[in-house]
Amino acid sequence: MTYRKLKASGALCAVLCLAQPQIAMAQDCVEQADVVDATIYSMPILYDAYTSKCAGEFADTGFIANRGQSFIAPYSAQQDERWAGAARLLGQFASSGSGSSSNADIFTALPEEAMRPFVDGIISLKIAEEIKLKDCGKIERTVELLSPLPPENVGGFLALLVDFAGVKDPEICPYEAK
């Protein structure tokens, strides 16, 4: 993952954090399990934004055209159960220096049931803006390489990458072998 992609992921998390400041927890680091939940929760949204933006770029014989739906199905099936962990992660970003207090105040007034679709829309728009058509093939190859892994492994791998990258404000809690 390039620095630009990590930076974009960080920006995505910063955007997401605006949606749940009222659930912010007083913890110094983000639990890796919450990063896993946020990854699994957001993957269907990211996938939809990607496939919409790159629709004209896919080959009829390519991965997305032939196996894309089977890739995203396990993520979609877990989305509801992963929302709580994703929301905790967002809350921690909101309570860190990454969150914008003026925007956070707006979102604290929203009822919880209204936040989730709003967050989904923000994620989708921001990701679609970031995707360059010249990168559609690379993203498709990345999705294909991730496809054999269960969603929990993809989320866990991303959590470790963010930990290795030394993301701060807030930082990822260190991995603890069980």
C-alpha atoms as a PDB file:
ATOM      1  CA  MET A   1       0.000   0.000   0.000  1.00  0.00           C
ATOM      2  CA  THR A   2       1.477   3.342  -1.018  1.00  0.00           C
ATOM      3  CA  TYR A   3       1.790   6.343   1.210  1.00  0.00           C
ATOM      4  CA  ARG A   4      -0.900   8.046  -0.913  1.00  0.00           C
ATOM      5  CA  LYS A   5      -3.288   5.106  -0.351  1.00  0.00           C
ATOM      6  CA  LEU A   6      -2.541   5.129   3.403  1.00  0.00           C
ATOM      7  CA  LYS A   7      -3.112   8.875   3.438  1.00  0.00           C
ATOM      8  CA  ALA A   8      -6.410   8.396   1.563  1.00  0.00           C
ATOM      9  CA  SER A   9      -7.396   5.711   4.087  1.00  0.00           C
ATOM     10  CA  GLY A  10      -6.583   8.112   6.888  1.00  0.00           C
ATOM     11  CA  ALA A  11      -8.674  10.803   5.206  1.00  0.00           C
ATOM     12  CA  LEU A  12     -11.525   8.328   4.886  1.00  0.00           C
ATOM     13  CA  CYS A  13     -11.312   7.541   8.585  1.00  0.00           C
ATOM     14  CA  ALA A  14     -11.251  11.272   9.349  1.00  0.00           C
ATOM     15  CA  VAL A  15     -14.405  11.780   7.292  1.00  0.00           C
ATOM     16  CA  LEU A  16     -16.046   8.812   8.967  1.00  0.00           C
ATOM     17  CA  CYS A  17     -15.182  10.081  12.409  1.00  0.00           C
ATOM     18  CA  LEU A  18     -17.432  13.059  12.004  1.00  0.00           C
ATOM     19  CA  ALA A  19     -20.474  10.834  12.175  1.00  0.00           C
ATOM     20  CA  GLN A  20     -20.129   9.417  15.677  1.00  0.00           C
ATOM     21  CA  PRO A  21     -18.487  11.890  18.067  1.00  0.00           C
ATOM     22  CA  GLN A  22     -21.021  11.268  20.824  1.00  0.00           C
ATOM     23  CA  ILE A  23     -19.804   7.694  21.241  1.00  0.00           C
ATOM     24  CA  ALA A  24     -16.157   8.676  21.589  1.00  0.00           C
ATOM     25  CA  MET A  25     -14.389   6.639  24.220  1.00  0.00           C
ATOM     26  CA  ALA A  26     -11.665   7.869  26.524  1.00  0.00           C
ATOM     27  CA  GLN A  27      -9.001   5.495  25.258  1.00  0.00           C
ATOM     28  CA  ASP A  28      -5.529   6.330  24.021  1.00  0.00           C
ATOM     29  CA  CYS A  29      -5.584   3.920  21.099  1.00  0.00           C
ATOM     30  CA  VAL A  30      -7.973   2.347  18.635  1.00  0.00           C
ATOM     31  CA  GLU A  31      -8.562  -1.340  19.204  1.00  0.00           C
ATOM     32  CA  GLN A  32      -7.433  -3.476  16.288  1.00  0.00           C
ATOM     33  CA  ALA A  33     -10.797  -5.273  16.455  1.00  0.00           C
ATOM     34  CA  ASP A  34     -12.534  -1.961  15.727  1.00  0.00           C
ATOM     35  CA  VAL A  35     -10.307  -1.446  12.672  1.00  0.00           C
ATOM     36  CA  VAL A  36     -11.327  -4.934  11.530  1.00  0.00           C
ATOM     37  CA  ASP A  37     -14.998  -4.046  12.051  1.00  0.00           C
ATOM     38  CA  ALA A  38     -14.622  -0.727  10.212  1.00  0.00           C
ATOM     39  CA  THR A  39     -12.876  -2.445   7.314  1.00  0.00           C
ATOM     40  CA  ILE A  40     -15.578  -5.082   6.960  1.00  0.00           C
ATOM     41  CA  TYR A  41     -18.348  -2.510   7.422  1.00  0.00           C
ATOM     42  CA  SER A  42     -16.985  -0.096   4.834  1.00  0.00           C
ATOM     43  CA  MET A  43     -15.912  -2.623   2.183  1.00  0.00           C
ATOM     44  CA  PRO A  44     -19.339  -2.869   0.469  1.00  0.00           C
ATOM     45  CA  ILE A  45     -19.552   0.931   0.348  1.00  0.00           C
ATOM     46  CA  LEU A  46     -16.033   1.191  -1.044  1.00  0.00           C
ATOM     47  CA  TYR A  47     -16.789  -1.577  -3.544  1.00  0.00           C
ATOM     48  CA  ASP A  48     -19.943   0.164  -4.777  1.00  0.00           C
ATOM     49  CA  ALA A  49     -18.108   3.492  -5.153  1.00  0.00           C
ATOM     50  CA  TYR A  50     -15.280   1.762  -7.011  1.00  0.00           C
ATOM     51  CA  THR A  51     -17.502  -0.242  -9.351  1.00  0.00           C
ATOM     52  CA  SER A  52     -19.601   2.854 -10.136  1.00  0.00           C
ATOM     53  CA  LYS A  53     -16.576   5.027 -10.869  1.00  0.00           C
ATOM     54  CA  CYS A  54     -14.749   2.359 -12.886  1.00  0.00           C
ATOM     55  CA  ALA A  55     -17.771   0.755 -14.599  1.00  0.00           C
ATOM     56  CA  GLY A  56     -16.519   1.518 -18.113  1.00  0.00           C
ATOM     57  CA  GLU A  57     -13.032   0.225 -17.341  1.00  0.00           C
ATOM     58  CA  PHE A  58     -13.812  -3.425 -16.564  1.00  0.00           C
ATOM     59  CA  ALA A  59     -13.124  -6.174 -19.065  1.00  0.00           C
ATOM     60  CA  ASP A  60     -15.955  -8.656 -19.615  1.00  0.00           C
ATOM     61  CA  THR A  61     -13.510 -11.402 -18.664  1.00  0.00           C
ATOM     62  CA  GLY A  62     -12.078  -9.591 -15.629  1.00  0.00           C
ATOM     63  CA  PHE A  63     -12.405 -10.373 -11.938  1.00  0.00           C
ATOM     64  CA  ILE A  64     -15.064  -7.763 -11.135  1.00  0.00           C
ATOM     65  CA  ALA A  65     -17.297  -8.827 -14.008  1.00  0.00           C
ATOM     66  CA  ASN A  66     -17.062 -12.505 -13.127  1.00  0.00           C
ATOM     67  CA  ARG A  67     -16.417 -12.811  -9.413  1.00  0.00           C
ATOM     68  CA  GLY A  68     -16.928  -9.364  -7.932  1.00  0.00           C
ATOM     69  CA  GLN A  69     -20.303 -10.130  -6.370  1.00  0.00           C
ATOM     70  CA  SER A  70     -19.025 -13.309  -4.731  1.00  0.00           C
ATOM     71  CA  PHE A  71     -16.097 -11.296  -3.321  1.00  0.00           C
ATOM     72  CA  ILE A  72     -18.275  -8.618  -1.729  1.00  0.00           C
ATOM     73  CA  ALA A  73     -21.108 -10.872  -0.494  1.00  0.00           C
ATOM     74  CA  PRO A  74     -19.425 -11.958   2.803  1.00  0.00           C
ATOM     75  CA  TYR A  75     -18.650  -8.329   3.654  1.00  0.00           C
ATOM     76  CA  SER A  76     -22.221  -7.250   2.929  1.00  0.00           C
ATOM     77  CA  ALA A  77     -23.563 -10.098   5.071  1.00  0.00           C
ATOM     78  CA  GLN A  78     -21.565  -8.836   8.084  1.00  0.00           C
ATOM     79  CA  GLN A  79     -22.144  -5.121   7.668  1.00  0.00           C
ATOM     80  CA  ASP A  80     -24.887  -4.748  10.290  1.00  0.00           C
ATOM     81  CA  GLU A  81     -23.008  -6.658  12.978  1.00  0.00           C
ATOM     82  CA  ARG A  82     -19.811  -4.657  12.304  1.00  0.00           C
ATOM     83  CA  TRP A  83     -21.402  -1.220  12.629  1.00  0.00           C
ATOM     84  CA  ALA A  84     -20.816  -0.969  16.407  1.00  0.00           C
ATOM     85  CA  GLY A  85     -17.052  -1.495  16.085  1.00  0.00           C
ATOM     86  CA  ALA A  86     -16.870   0.847  13.118  1.00  0.00           C
ATOM     87  CA  ALA A  87     -18.795   3.460  15.102  1.00  0.00           C
ATOM     88  CA  ARG A  88     -16.364   3.112  18.046  1.00  0.00           C
ATOM     89  CA  LEU A  89     -13.434   3.681  15.679  1.00  0.00           C
ATOM     90  CA  LEU A  90     -15.145   6.740  14.238  1.00  0.00           C
ATOM     91  CA  GLY A  91     -15.830   8.058  17.714  1.00  0.00           C
ATOM     92  CA  GLN A  92     -12.188   7.709  18.666  1.00  0.00           C
ATOM     93  CA  PHE A  93     -11.096   9.585  15.575  1.00  0.00           C
ATOM     94  CA  ALA A  94     -13.632  12.294  16.417  1.00  0.00           C
ATOM     95  CA  SER A  95     -12.270  12.627  19.938  1.00  0.00           C
ATOM     96  CA  SER A  96      -8.675  12.781  18.688  1.00  0.00           C
ATOM     97  CA  GLY A  97      -7.039  15.753  17.039  1.00  0.00           C
ATOM     98  CA  SER A  98      -8.268  14.427  13.674  1.00  0.00           C
ATOM     99  CA  GLY A  99     -11.887  15.360  14.276  1.00  0.00           C
ATOM    100  CA  SER A 100     -13.375  18.762  13.470  1.00  0.00           C
ATOM    101  CA  SER A 101     -15.277  20.043  16.478  1.00  0.00           C
ATOM    102  CA  SER A 102     -17.593  22.304  14.463  1.00  0.00           C
ATOM    103  CA  ASN A 103     -18.608  19.445  12.170  1.00  0.00           C
ATOM    104  CA  ALA A 104     -18.720  17.058  15.109  1.00  0.00           C
ATOM    105  CA  ASP A 105     -21.263  19.330  16.822  1.00  0.00           C
ATOM    106  CA  ILE A 106     -23.551  19.063  13.798  1.00  0.00           C
ATOM    107  CA  PHE A 107     -23.442  15.283  13.867  1.00  0.00           C
ATOM    108  CA  THR A 108     -24.070  14.957  17.594  1.00  0.00           C
ATOM    109  CA  ALA A 109     -27.535  16.369  16.967  1.00  0.00           C
ATOM    110  CA  LEU A 110     -28.412  13.595  14.501  1.00  0.00           C
ATOM    111  CA  PRO A 111     -30.237  10.531  15.804  1.00  0.00           C
ATOM    112  CA  GLU A 112     -28.193   7.340  15.535  1.00  0.00           C
ATOM    113  CA  GLU A 113     -30.458   5.794  12.895  1.00  0.00           C
ATOM    114  CA  ALA A 114     -29.862   8.848  10.686  1.00  0.00           C
ATOM    115  CA  MET A 115     -26.075   8.725  11.014  1.00  0.00           C
ATOM    116  CA  ARG A 116     -25.326   5.426   9.385  1.00  0.00           C
ATOM    117  CA  PRO A 117     -26.773   6.234   5.926  1.00  0.00           C
ATOM    118  CA  PHE A 118     -25.209   9.681   6.136  1.00  0.00           C
ATOM    119  CA  VAL A 119     -21.801   8.147   6.893  1.00  0.00           C
ATOM    120  CA  ASP A 120     -22.293   5.661   4.052  1.00  0.00           C
ATOM    121  CA  GLY A 121     -22.973   8.524   1.646  1.00  0.00           C
ATOM    122  CA  ILE A 122     -19.911  10.472   2.766  1.00  0.00           C
ATOM    123  CA  ILE A 123     -17.674   7.418   2.380  1.00  0.00           C
ATOM    124  CA  SER A 124     -19.029   6.694  -1.071  1.00  0.00           C
ATOM    125  CA  LEU A 125     -18.639  10.268  -2.328  1.00  0.00           C
ATOM    126  CA  LYS A 126     -15.153  10.770  -0.903  1.00  0.00           C
ATOM    127  CA  ILE A 127     -13.833   7.467  -2.241  1.00  0.00           C
ATOM    128  CA  ALA A 128     -15.357   8.039  -5.684  1.00  0.00           C
ATOM    129  CA  GLU A 129     -13.611  11.435  -5.767  1.00  0.00           C
ATOM    130  CA  GLU A 130     -10.252   9.847  -4.918  1.00  0.00           C
ATOM    131  CA  ILE A 131     -10.341   7.050  -7.502  1.00  0.00           C
ATOM    132  CA  LYS A 132      -8.527   7.860 -10.713  1.00  0.00           C
ATOM    133  CA  LEU A 133      -9.667   5.984 -13.819  1.00  0.00           C
ATOM    134  CA  LYS A 134      -6.038   5.076 -14.558  1.00  0.00           C
ATOM    135  CA  ASP A 135      -6.000   3.148 -11.242  1.00  0.00           C
ATOM    136  CA  CYS A 136      -9.121   1.042 -11.875  1.00  0.00           C
ATOM    137  CA  GLY A 137      -7.110  -1.926 -13.143  1.00  0.00           C
ATOM    138  CA  LYS A 138      -4.738  -1.820 -10.168  1.00  0.00           C
ATOM    139  CA  ILE A 139      -7.650  -1.686  -7.756  1.00  0.00           C
ATOM    140  CA  GLU A 140      -9.295  -4.618  -9.533  1.00  0.00           C
ATOM    141  CA  ARG A 141      -6.060  -6.599  -9.175  1.00  0.00           C
ATOM    142  CA  THR A 142      -5.901  -5.716  -5.476  1.00  0.00           C
ATOM    143  CA  VAL A 143      -9.489  -6.900  -4.963  1.00  0.00           C
ATOM    144  CA  GLU A 144      -8.667 -10.122  -6.817  1.00  0.00           C
ATOM    145  CA  LEU A 145      -5.626 -10.725  -4.588  1.00  0.00           C
ATOM    146  CA  LEU A 146      -7.705 -10.112  -1.459  1.00  0.00           C
ATOM    147  CA  SER A 147     -10.572 -12.322  -2.621  1.00  0.00           C
ATOM    148  CA  PRO A 148      -9.326 -15.653  -1.214  1.00  0.00           C
ATOM    149  CA  LEU A 149      -9.021 -14.144   2.264  1.00  0.00           C
ATOM    150  CA  PRO A 150     -11.939 -14.098   4.693  1.00  0.00           C
ATOM    151  CA  PRO A 151     -13.112 -10.570   5.618  1.00  0.00           C
ATOM    152  CA  GLU A 152     -11.638 -10.926   9.122  1.00  0.00           C
ATOM    153  CA  ASN A 153      -8.174 -11.535   7.651  1.00  0.00           C
ATOM    154  CA  VAL A 154      -8.440  -8.539   5.316  1.00  0.00           C
ATOM    155  CA  GLY A 155      -9.483  -6.335   8.242  1.00  0.00           C
ATOM    156  CA  GLY A 156      -6.766  -7.757  10.485  1.00  0.00           C
ATOM    157  CA  PHE A 157      -4.144  -7.227   7.793  1.00  0.00           C
ATOM    158  CA  LEU A 158      -5.219  -3.613   7.354  1.00  0.00           C
ATOM    159  CA  ALA A 159      -5.094  -3.067  11.129  1.00  0.00           C
ATOM    160  CA  LEU A 160      -1.531  -4.378  11.218  1.00  0.00           C
ATOM    161  CA  LEU A 161      -0.529  -2.214   8.237  1.00  0.00           C
ATOM    162  CA  VAL A 162      -1.891   0.876   9.955  1.00  0.00           C
ATOM    163  CA  ASP A 163      -0.074  -0.152  13.145  1.00  0.00           C
ATOM    164  CA  PHE A 164       3.186  -0.678  11.215  1.00  0.00           C
ATOM    165  CA  ALA A 165       2.739   2.685   9.484  1.00  0.00           C
ATOM    166  CA  GLY A 166       2.718   4.334  12.902  1.00  0.00           C
ATOM    167  CA  VAL A 167      -0.576   6.182  12.483  1.00  0.00           C
ATOM    168  CA  LYS A 168      -1.103   8.565  15.367  1.00  0.00           C
ATOM    169  CA  ASP A 169      -3.965  10.690  16.574  1.00  0.00           C
ATOM    170  CA  PRO A 170      -5.243   8.244  17.562  1.00  0.00           C
ATOM    171  CA  GLU A 171      -2.850   5.391  17.235  1.00  0.00           C
ATOM    172  CA  ILE A 172      -3.727   1.734  16.795  1.00  0.00           C
ATOM    173  CA  CYS A 173      -3.418  -0.359  19.960  1.00  0.00           C
ATOM    174  CA  PRO A 174      -0.461  -2.735  19.644  1.00  0.00           C
ATOM    175  CA  TYR A 175      -1.163  -6.234  18.406  1.00  0.00           C
ATOM    176  CA  GLU A 176      -1.223  -8.718  21.253  1.00  0.00           C
ATOM    177  CA  ALA A 177      -0.747 -12.390  20.451  1.00  0.00           C
ATOM    178  CA  LYS A 178      -3.397 -14.539  22.053  1.00  0.00           C
END
